[in-house]
Amino acid sequence: MPSELQEVTWHPVHVIGRDRPSRFLVVCDHATNRIPPDVANGTLGVSDADMGRHIAYDVGAAGVSVRLAEQLNAPAVLSNFSRLVIDPNRGEDDPTLVMRLYDGTIVPANRHVDHHEVERRLRLCYRPYHAAIAELAMQHPDAVIVSIHSFTPQLRGRNERPWHVGFLHAEDTRLSDALANLLRADPKWCVGLNVPYTGKLQGDTIDKHAIQHVRQNTLIEIRNDLIADEVGQLEWADRFAQLLPKALEVAEIYGA
């Protein structure tokens, strides 16, 4: 987590550069592994080692998001709670909204969570985060939502993932396709579409803030070993700061 996002009093969301003029809006659903003090007394009973893994947050994604937004002169919205508390990249009725088991790790504080506790976490964390995105997106009539994520090179007991970057999309493929084509111009990168996950998830962040409002969008998944340190985060932020305006131009000229 970048040092500029540290705070004494916990808040569910960070908004950076609220008044920046770019039509791009950078969002980071899984920016931190922080457990709010009002959730299970600030601990989910998960080891420090597991809280440092991808199961708790998207390693490196916050650093890329902050620096990408700076270079685009765009606002950024970052969550300030672990995906293990509640996953903001899910619909409110999604069965994986609160995970009890993730990549082989049991989450003790989630094992007996009932609908009252889920509703409380929605009010405490999830809804303020999405309200902030909705507010920022409304500031520009042609807002473009860019969601930054990272993925682990290998899940436990699974095959290694060959991609360096994946671009996820639902019905609107324009910006993702254009970005993928531009990045593939450099043969050293293994680039995929809708990998390692599908971008078609009803109620997720892109669906909620882009698809339902007919906004240009893409979800960028970067393999987390590439952005585990500040050097990698700066490198990929700079790369996408150069590619995104070019891709948007292509998407709007030639896109369906």
C-alpha atoms as a PDB file:
ATOM      1  CA  MET A   1       0.000   0.000   0.000  1.00  0.00           C
ATOM      2  CA  PRO A   2       1.465   3.362  -0.959  1.00  0.00           C
ATOM      3  CA  SER A   3       2.460   5.502   2.035  1.00  0.00           C
ATOM      4  CA  GLU A   4       0.076   8.267   0.968  1.00  0.00           C
ATOM      5  CA  LEU A   5      -2.846   5.943   1.723  1.00  0.00           C
ATOM      6  CA  GLN A   6      -1.967   5.323   5.376  1.00  0.00           C
ATOM      7  CA  GLU A   7      -4.226   6.879   7.993  1.00  0.00           C
ATOM      8  CA  VAL A   8      -4.894   6.991  11.715  1.00  0.00           C
ATOM      9  CA  THR A   9      -8.712   6.801  11.547  1.00  0.00           C
ATOM     10  CA  TRP A  10     -10.128   4.073   9.357  1.00  0.00           C
ATOM     11  CA  HIS A  11     -12.344   4.976   6.398  1.00  0.00           C
ATOM     12  CA  PRO A  12     -13.834   2.468   3.939  1.00  0.00           C
ATOM     13  CA  VAL A  13     -12.614   4.190   0.779  1.00  0.00           C
ATOM     14  CA  HIS A  14      -9.805   6.416  -0.482  1.00  0.00           C
ATOM     15  CA  VAL A  15     -10.600   9.005  -3.139  1.00  0.00           C
ATOM     16  CA  ILE A  16      -7.519  10.558  -4.727  1.00  0.00           C
ATOM     17  CA  GLY A  17      -7.506  13.500  -7.138  1.00  0.00           C
ATOM     18  CA  ARG A  18     -11.232  14.125  -6.915  1.00  0.00           C
ATOM     19  CA  ASP A  19     -11.023  17.263  -9.073  1.00  0.00           C
ATOM     20  CA  ARG A  20      -8.677  15.941 -11.766  1.00  0.00           C
ATOM     21  CA  PRO A  21     -10.205  16.611 -15.204  1.00  0.00           C
ATOM     22  CA  SER A  22      -9.493  13.387 -17.128  1.00  0.00           C
ATOM     23  CA  ARG A  23     -12.442  11.337 -18.335  1.00  0.00           C
ATOM     24  CA  PHE A  24     -10.609   8.232 -17.102  1.00  0.00           C
ATOM     25  CA  LEU A  25     -11.626   7.000 -13.644  1.00  0.00           C
ATOM     26  CA  VAL A  26      -9.236   4.483 -12.068  1.00  0.00           C
ATOM     27  CA  VAL A  27     -10.722   2.096  -9.511  1.00  0.00           C
ATOM     28  CA  CYS A  28      -9.066  -0.550  -7.357  1.00  0.00           C
ATOM     29  CA  ASP A  29     -11.447  -3.035  -5.751  1.00  0.00           C
ATOM     30  CA  HIS A  30      -8.852  -5.007  -3.798  1.00  0.00           C
ATOM     31  CA  ALA A  31      -6.350  -2.330  -2.817  1.00  0.00           C
ATOM     32  CA  THR A  32      -5.531  -3.445   0.721  1.00  0.00           C
ATOM     33  CA  ASN A  33      -5.552  -6.338   3.198  1.00  0.00           C
ATOM     34  CA  ARG A  34      -6.808  -4.121   6.005  1.00  0.00           C
ATOM     35  CA  ILE A  35      -9.469  -5.407   8.405  1.00  0.00           C
ATOM     36  CA  PRO A  36     -11.679  -2.593   9.747  1.00  0.00           C
ATOM     37  CA  PRO A  37     -11.617  -2.340  13.559  1.00  0.00           C
ATOM     38  CA  ASP A  38     -15.404  -2.868  13.652  1.00  0.00           C
ATOM     39  CA  VAL A  39     -15.177  -6.239  11.891  1.00  0.00           C
ATOM     40  CA  ALA A  40     -14.345  -9.209  14.138  1.00  0.00           C
ATOM     41  CA  ASN A  41     -12.311  -6.897  16.413  1.00  0.00           C
ATOM     42  CA  GLY A  42      -9.923  -6.172  13.567  1.00  0.00           C
ATOM     43  CA  THR A  43      -8.910  -9.756  12.785  1.00  0.00           C
ATOM     44  CA  LEU A  44     -10.461 -12.556  10.764  1.00  0.00           C
ATOM     45  CA  GLY A  45      -8.301 -15.209  12.425  1.00  0.00           C
ATOM     46  CA  VAL A  46      -6.179 -15.620   9.292  1.00  0.00           C
ATOM     47  CA  SER A  47      -2.386 -15.867   9.646  1.00  0.00           C
ATOM     48  CA  ASP A  48      -0.167 -12.931   8.730  1.00  0.00           C
ATOM     49  CA  ALA A  49       1.338 -15.035   5.953  1.00  0.00           C
ATOM     50  CA  ASP A  50      -2.072 -15.654   4.396  1.00  0.00           C
ATOM     51  CA  MET A  51      -3.111 -12.028   4.862  1.00  0.00           C
ATOM     52  CA  GLY A  52      -0.078 -11.133   2.761  1.00  0.00           C
ATOM     53  CA  ARG A  53      -1.271 -13.351  -0.113  1.00  0.00           C
ATOM     54  CA  HIS A  54      -3.596 -12.636  -2.988  1.00  0.00           C
ATOM     55  CA  ILE A  55      -6.508 -14.085  -1.037  1.00  0.00           C
ATOM     56  CA  ALA A  56      -6.624 -10.927   1.100  1.00  0.00           C
ATOM     57  CA  TYR A  57      -5.918  -8.275  -1.537  1.00  0.00           C
ATOM     58  CA  ASP A  58      -4.487  -7.686  -5.002  1.00  0.00           C
ATOM     59  CA  VAL A  59      -0.755  -7.381  -4.435  1.00  0.00           C
ATOM     60  CA  GLY A  60       0.660  -4.272  -6.130  1.00  0.00           C
ATOM     61  CA  ALA A  61      -2.646  -3.082  -7.555  1.00  0.00           C
ATOM     62  CA  ALA A  62      -2.952  -0.036  -5.281  1.00  0.00           C
ATOM     63  CA  GLY A  63       0.472   1.258  -6.247  1.00  0.00           C
ATOM     64  CA  VAL A  64      -0.276   0.885  -9.947  1.00  0.00           C
ATOM     65  CA  SER A  65      -3.676   2.556  -9.522  1.00  0.00           C
ATOM     66  CA  VAL A  66      -2.388   5.611  -7.663  1.00  0.00           C
ATOM     67  CA  ARG A  67       0.461   6.220 -10.079  1.00  0.00           C
ATOM     68  CA  LEU A  68      -1.594   5.504 -13.192  1.00  0.00           C
ATOM     69  CA  ALA A  69      -4.218   8.008 -12.049  1.00  0.00           C
ATOM     70  CA  GLU A  70      -1.513  10.606 -11.437  1.00  0.00           C
ATOM     71  CA  GLN A  71      -0.104  10.171 -14.936  1.00  0.00           C
ATOM     72  CA  LEU A  72      -3.548  10.283 -16.551  1.00  0.00           C
ATOM     73  CA  ASN A  73      -4.486  13.303 -14.392  1.00  0.00           C
ATOM     74  CA  ALA A  74      -7.497  11.224 -13.390  1.00  0.00           C
ATOM     75  CA  PRO A  75      -9.284  10.563 -10.107  1.00  0.00           C
ATOM     76  CA  ALA A  76      -8.857   7.221  -8.381  1.00  0.00           C
ATOM     77  CA  VAL A  77     -11.071   5.300  -5.975  1.00  0.00           C
ATOM     78  CA  LEU A  78      -9.507   2.579  -3.832  1.00  0.00           C
ATOM     79  CA  SER A  79     -11.137   0.267  -1.325  1.00  0.00           C
ATOM     80  CA  ASN A  80      -9.764   0.269   2.220  1.00  0.00           C
ATOM     81  CA  PHE A  81     -10.855  -3.175   3.366  1.00  0.00           C
ATOM     82  CA  SER A  82      -9.746  -6.690   2.557  1.00  0.00           C
ATOM     83  CA  ARG A  83     -11.667  -8.727   0.043  1.00  0.00           C
ATOM     84  CA  LEU A  84     -11.970 -11.298   2.857  1.00  0.00           C
ATOM     85  CA  VAL A  85     -14.153  -8.844   4.796  1.00  0.00           C
ATOM     86  CA  ILE A  86     -16.490  -8.433   1.850  1.00  0.00           C
ATOM     87  CA  ASP A  87     -15.684  -8.436  -1.856  1.00  0.00           C
ATOM     88  CA  PRO A  88     -16.637  -5.176  -3.579  1.00  0.00           C
ATOM     89  CA  ASN A  89     -16.187  -6.811  -6.986  1.00  0.00           C
ATOM     90  CA  ARG A  90     -19.275  -8.964  -6.489  1.00  0.00           C
ATOM     91  CA  GLY A  91     -22.988  -8.312  -6.631  1.00  0.00           C
ATOM     92  CA  GLU A  92     -24.702  -7.946  -3.283  1.00  0.00           C
ATOM     93  CA  ASP A  93     -26.460 -11.282  -3.755  1.00  0.00           C
ATOM     94  CA  ASP A  94     -23.383 -13.173  -4.990  1.00  0.00           C
ATOM     95  CA  PRO A  95     -22.663 -16.321  -2.910  1.00  0.00           C
ATOM     96  CA  THR A  96     -18.926 -15.464  -2.924  1.00  0.00           C
ATOM     97  CA  LEU A  97     -19.498 -11.991  -1.461  1.00  0.00           C
ATOM     98  CA  VAL A  98     -18.062 -13.168   1.884  1.00  0.00           C
ATOM     99  CA  MET A  99     -15.600 -16.004   1.452  1.00  0.00           C
ATOM    100  CA  ARG A 100     -15.346 -18.747   4.061  1.00  0.00           C
ATOM    101  CA  LEU A 101     -12.630 -20.687   2.221  1.00  0.00           C
ATOM    102  CA  TYR A 102     -10.232 -19.199  -0.316  1.00  0.00           C
ATOM    103  CA  ASP A 103      -7.387 -20.967  -2.139  1.00  0.00           C
ATOM    104  CA  GLY A 104      -7.045 -23.537   0.642  1.00  0.00           C
ATOM    105  CA  THR A 105      -7.277 -21.085   3.550  1.00  0.00           C
ATOM    106  CA  ILE A 106     -10.202 -21.156   5.981  1.00  0.00           C
ATOM    107  CA  VAL A 107     -11.372 -17.720   7.174  1.00  0.00           C
ATOM    108  CA  PRO A 108     -12.438 -18.405  10.791  1.00  0.00           C
ATOM    109  CA  ALA A 109     -14.343 -15.153  11.374  1.00  0.00           C
ATOM    110  CA  ASN A 110     -16.417 -15.785   8.226  1.00  0.00           C
ATOM    111  CA  ARG A 111     -17.422 -19.380   8.917  1.00  0.00           C
ATOM    112  CA  HIS A 112     -20.647 -18.492  10.710  1.00  0.00           C
ATOM    113  CA  VAL A 113     -21.421 -15.087   9.210  1.00  0.00           C
ATOM    114  CA  ASP A 114     -25.193 -14.634   8.891  1.00  0.00           C
ATOM    115  CA  HIS A 115     -27.204 -12.266   6.717  1.00  0.00           C
ATOM    116  CA  HIS A 116     -27.284  -9.614   9.462  1.00  0.00           C
ATOM    117  CA  GLU A 117     -23.478  -9.472   9.552  1.00  0.00           C
ATOM    118  CA  VAL A 118     -23.297  -9.456   5.763  1.00  0.00           C
ATOM    119  CA  GLU A 119     -25.709  -6.512   5.695  1.00  0.00           C
ATOM    120  CA  ARG A 120     -23.618  -4.718   8.319  1.00  0.00           C
ATOM    121  CA  ARG A 121     -20.453  -5.167   6.248  1.00  0.00           C
ATOM    122  CA  LEU A 122     -22.296  -3.965   3.161  1.00  0.00           C
ATOM    123  CA  ARG A 123     -23.225  -0.748   4.972  1.00  0.00           C
ATOM    124  CA  LEU A 124     -19.818  -0.329   6.584  1.00  0.00           C
ATOM    125  CA  CYS A 125     -17.554  -1.097   3.614  1.00  0.00           C
ATOM    126  CA  TYR A 126     -19.104  -2.109   0.326  1.00  0.00           C
ATOM    127  CA  ARG A 127     -21.734   0.553  -0.262  1.00  0.00           C
ATOM    128  CA  PRO A 128     -19.551   3.565   0.644  1.00  0.00           C
ATOM    129  CA  TYR A 129     -16.942   2.311  -1.827  1.00  0.00           C
ATOM    130  CA  HIS A 130     -19.454   2.002  -4.656  1.00  0.00           C
ATOM    131  CA  ALA A 131     -21.086   5.324  -3.749  1.00  0.00           C
ATOM    132  CA  ALA A 132     -17.694   6.999  -4.185  1.00  0.00           C
ATOM    133  CA  ILE A 133     -17.219   5.435  -7.628  1.00  0.00           C
ATOM    134  CA  ALA A 134     -20.727   6.437  -8.691  1.00  0.00           C
ATOM    135  CA  GLU A 135     -20.150  10.026  -7.569  1.00  0.00           C
ATOM    136  CA  LEU A 136     -16.835  10.359  -9.408  1.00  0.00           C
ATOM    137  CA  ALA A 137     -18.191   8.718 -12.577  1.00  0.00           C
ATOM    138  CA  MET A 138     -21.052  11.213 -12.686  1.00  0.00           C
ATOM    139  CA  GLN A 139     -18.578  14.102 -12.801  1.00  0.00           C
ATOM    140  CA  HIS A 140     -17.726  13.391 -16.446  1.00  0.00           C
ATOM    141  CA  PRO A 141     -20.389  12.760 -19.107  1.00  0.00           C
ATOM    142  CA  ASP A 142     -18.062  10.373 -20.962  1.00  0.00           C
ATOM    143  CA  ALA A 143     -16.337   8.677 -18.028  1.00  0.00           C
ATOM    144  CA  VAL A 144     -14.144   5.681 -18.823  1.00  0.00           C
ATOM    145  CA  ILE A 145     -13.826   3.121 -16.020  1.00  0.00           C
ATOM    146  CA  VAL A 146     -10.411   1.452 -15.671  1.00  0.00           C
ATOM    147  CA  SER A 147     -10.330  -1.209 -12.960  1.00  0.00           C
ATOM    148  CA  ILE A 148      -6.893  -2.372 -11.785  1.00  0.00           C
ATOM    149  CA  HIS A 149      -6.400  -5.884 -10.386  1.00  0.00           C
ATOM    150  CA  SER A 150      -3.586  -8.370  -9.971  1.00  0.00           C
ATOM    151  CA  PHE A 151      -3.516 -12.155 -10.019  1.00  0.00           C
ATOM    152  CA  THR A 152      -1.255 -14.776  -8.510  1.00  0.00           C
ATOM    153  CA  PRO A 153       0.991 -16.721 -10.915  1.00  0.00           C
ATOM    154  CA  GLN A 154      -0.382 -20.004  -9.549  1.00  0.00           C
ATOM    155  CA  LEU A 155      -3.228 -21.107  -7.311  1.00  0.00           C
ATOM    156  CA  ARG A 156      -2.474 -23.942  -4.902  1.00  0.00           C
ATOM    157  CA  GLY A 157      -2.634 -27.274  -6.685  1.00  0.00           C
ATOM    158  CA  ARG A 158      -3.289 -25.639 -10.062  1.00  0.00           C
ATOM    159  CA  ASN A 159      -1.250 -25.117 -13.212  1.00  0.00           C
ATOM    160  CA  GLU A 160       0.943 -22.063 -13.604  1.00  0.00           C
ATOM    161  CA  ARG A 161      -0.707 -19.166 -15.385  1.00  0.00           C
ATOM    162  CA  PRO A 162       1.257 -18.146 -18.481  1.00  0.00           C
ATOM    163  CA  TRP A 163      -0.149 -14.632 -18.943  1.00  0.00           C
ATOM    164  CA  HIS A 164       1.568 -11.442 -17.907  1.00  0.00           C
ATOM    165  CA  VAL A 165      -1.609  -9.408 -18.324  1.00  0.00           C
ATOM    166  CA  GLY A 166      -5.272 -10.135 -18.914  1.00  0.00           C
ATOM    167  CA  PHE A 167      -7.947  -7.699 -20.060  1.00  0.00           C
ATOM    168  CA  LEU A 168     -11.436  -8.537 -18.838  1.00  0.00           C
ATOM    169  CA  HIS A 169     -14.656  -7.396 -20.423  1.00  0.00           C
ATOM    170  CA  ALA A 170     -18.349  -8.185 -20.552  1.00  0.00           C
ATOM    171  CA  GLU A 171     -20.522  -7.121 -23.486  1.00  0.00           C
ATOM    172  CA  ASP A 172     -18.387  -4.082 -24.340  1.00  0.00           C
ATOM    173  CA  THR A 173     -15.084  -5.380 -25.722  1.00  0.00           C
ATOM    174  CA  ARG A 174     -13.857  -2.191 -27.398  1.00  0.00           C
ATOM    175  CA  LEU A 175     -11.286  -0.851 -24.949  1.00  0.00           C
ATOM    176  CA  SER A 176     -10.056  -4.274 -23.816  1.00  0.00           C
ATOM    177  CA  ASP A 177      -9.527  -5.419 -27.398  1.00  0.00           C
ATOM    178  CA  ALA A 178      -7.662  -2.235 -28.304  1.00  0.00           C
ATOM    179  CA  LEU A 179      -5.414  -2.467 -25.241  1.00  0.00           C
ATOM    180  CA  ALA A 180      -4.647  -6.128 -25.877  1.00  0.00           C
ATOM    181  CA  ASN A 181      -3.680  -5.423 -29.475  1.00  0.00           C
ATOM    182  CA  LEU A 182      -1.391  -2.570 -28.477  1.00  0.00           C
ATOM    183  CA  LEU A 183       0.358  -4.561 -25.753  1.00  0.00           C
ATOM    184  CA  ARG A 184       0.769  -7.578 -28.047  1.00  0.00           C
ATOM    185  CA  ALA A 185       2.877  -5.392 -30.318  1.00  0.00           C
ATOM    186  CA  ASP A 186       5.690  -6.205 -27.891  1.00  0.00           C
ATOM    187  CA  PRO A 187       6.223  -9.981 -28.264  1.00  0.00           C
ATOM    188  CA  LYS A 188       7.689 -10.408 -24.791  1.00  0.00           C
ATOM    189  CA  TRP A 189       4.254 -10.068 -23.190  1.00  0.00           C
ATOM    190  CA  CYS A 190       1.777 -12.936 -22.994  1.00  0.00           C
ATOM    191  CA  VAL A 191      -1.593 -11.209 -23.152  1.00  0.00           C
ATOM    192  CA  GLY A 192      -5.043 -12.746 -22.695  1.00  0.00           C
ATOM    193  CA  LEU A 193      -8.678 -11.696 -22.883  1.00  0.00           C
ATOM    194  CA  ASN A 194     -11.020 -12.712 -20.064  1.00  0.00           C
ATOM    195  CA  VAL A 195      -8.167 -14.537 -18.323  1.00  0.00           C
ATOM    196  CA  PRO A 196      -7.409 -15.666 -15.684  1.00  0.00           C
ATOM    197  CA  TYR A 197     -11.071 -14.909 -14.938  1.00  0.00           C
ATOM    198  CA  THR A 198     -14.098 -13.959 -16.961  1.00  0.00           C
ATOM    199  CA  GLY A 199     -15.178 -10.342 -17.077  1.00  0.00           C
ATOM    200  CA  LYS A 200     -18.840 -11.307 -17.248  1.00  0.00           C
ATOM    201  CA  LEU A 201     -20.016 -11.171 -13.642  1.00  0.00           C
ATOM    202  CA  GLN A 202     -23.398  -9.639 -12.952  1.00  0.00           C
ATOM    203  CA  GLY A 203     -23.273  -6.981 -10.267  1.00  0.00           C
ATOM    204  CA  ASP A 204     -19.487  -6.589 -10.217  1.00  0.00           C
ATOM    205  CA  THR A 205     -17.814  -3.178 -10.339  1.00  0.00           C
ATOM    206  CA  ILE A 206     -17.613  -2.924 -14.122  1.00  0.00           C
ATOM    207  CA  ASP A 207     -21.189  -4.115 -14.527  1.00  0.00           C
ATOM    208  CA  LYS A 208     -22.467  -1.716 -11.874  1.00  0.00           C
ATOM    209  CA  HIS A 209     -20.605   1.413 -12.981  1.00  0.00           C
ATOM    210  CA  ALA A 210     -19.824   0.890 -16.669  1.00  0.00           C
ATOM    211  CA  ILE A 211     -22.024  -1.665 -18.426  1.00  0.00           C
ATOM    212  CA  GLN A 212     -25.271  -0.464 -16.848  1.00  0.00           C
ATOM    213  CA  HIS A 213     -24.409   3.127 -17.817  1.00  0.00           C
ATOM    214  CA  VAL A 214     -22.971   2.354 -21.287  1.00  0.00           C
ATOM    215  CA  ARG A 215     -19.528   3.656 -20.344  1.00  0.00           C
ATOM    216  CA  GLN A 216     -16.273   2.605 -21.970  1.00  0.00           C
ATOM    217  CA  ASN A 217     -14.387   0.285 -19.648  1.00  0.00           C
ATOM    218  CA  THR A 218     -11.756  -2.332 -19.075  1.00  0.00           C
ATOM    219  CA  LEU A 219     -10.567  -4.452 -16.175  1.00  0.00           C
ATOM    220  CA  ILE A 220      -6.790  -4.924 -16.221  1.00  0.00           C
ATOM    221  CA  GLU A 221      -5.328  -7.980 -14.475  1.00  0.00           C
ATOM    222  CA  ILE A 222      -1.539  -7.812 -13.997  1.00  0.00           C
ATOM    223  CA  ARG A 223       0.388 -10.843 -12.725  1.00  0.00           C
ATOM    224  CA  ASN A 224       1.361  -9.844  -9.219  1.00  0.00           C
ATOM    225  CA  ASP A 225       5.019 -10.843  -9.355  1.00  0.00           C
ATOM    226  CA  LEU A 226       5.444  -8.107 -11.982  1.00  0.00           C
ATOM    227  CA  ILE A 227       4.170  -5.384  -9.618  1.00  0.00           C
ATOM    228  CA  ALA A 228       5.259  -6.675  -6.214  1.00  0.00           C
ATOM    229  CA  ASP A 229       7.585  -3.702  -5.696  1.00  0.00           C
ATOM    230  CA  GLU A 230       7.523   0.011  -6.457  1.00  0.00           C
ATOM    231  CA  VAL A 231       9.749  -0.355  -9.518  1.00  0.00           C
ATOM    232  CA  GLY A 232       7.312  -2.753 -11.169  1.00  0.00           C
ATOM    233  CA  GLN A 233       4.322  -0.654 -10.174  1.00  0.00           C
ATOM    234  CA  LEU A 234       5.830   2.462 -11.720  1.00  0.00           C
ATOM    235  CA  GLU A 235       6.786   0.554 -14.866  1.00  0.00           C
ATOM    236  CA  TRP A 236       3.296  -0.791 -15.468  1.00  0.00           C
ATOM    237  CA  ALA A 237       1.583   2.466 -14.496  1.00  0.00           C
ATOM    238  CA  ASP A 238       3.740   4.291 -17.026  1.00  0.00           C
ATOM    239  CA  ARG A 239       3.059   1.654 -19.683  1.00  0.00           C
ATOM    240  CA  PHE A 240      -0.709   1.863 -19.286  1.00  0.00           C
ATOM    241  CA  ALA A 241      -0.655   5.658 -19.021  1.00  0.00           C
ATOM    242  CA  GLN A 242       0.773   5.636 -22.543  1.00  0.00           C
ATOM    243  CA  LEU A 243      -1.453   2.853 -23.893  1.00  0.00           C
ATOM    244  CA  LEU A 244      -4.849   3.835 -22.504  1.00  0.00           C
ATOM    245  CA  PRO A 245      -5.332   7.122 -24.440  1.00  0.00           C
ATOM    246  CA  LYS A 246      -4.231   5.409 -27.670  1.00  0.00           C
ATOM    247  CA  ALA A 247      -6.526   2.446 -27.015  1.00  0.00           C
ATOM    248  CA  LEU A 248      -9.469   4.713 -26.233  1.00  0.00           C
ATOM    249  CA  GLU A 249      -8.980   6.571 -29.499  1.00  0.00           C
ATOM    250  CA  VAL A 250      -8.963   3.283 -31.416  1.00  0.00           C
ATOM    251  CA  ALA A 251     -11.976   1.973 -29.476  1.00  0.00           C
ATOM    252  CA  GLU A 252     -14.043   5.046 -30.260  1.00  0.00           C
ATOM    253  CA  ILE A 253     -13.102   5.215 -33.923  1.00  0.00           C
ATOM    254  CA  TYR A 254     -13.279   1.553 -34.856  1.00  0.00           C
ATOM    255  CA  GLY A 255     -15.178  -0.062 -31.996  1.00  0.00           C
ATOM    256  CA  ALA A 256     -18.581  -1.583 -32.464  1.00  0.00           C
END
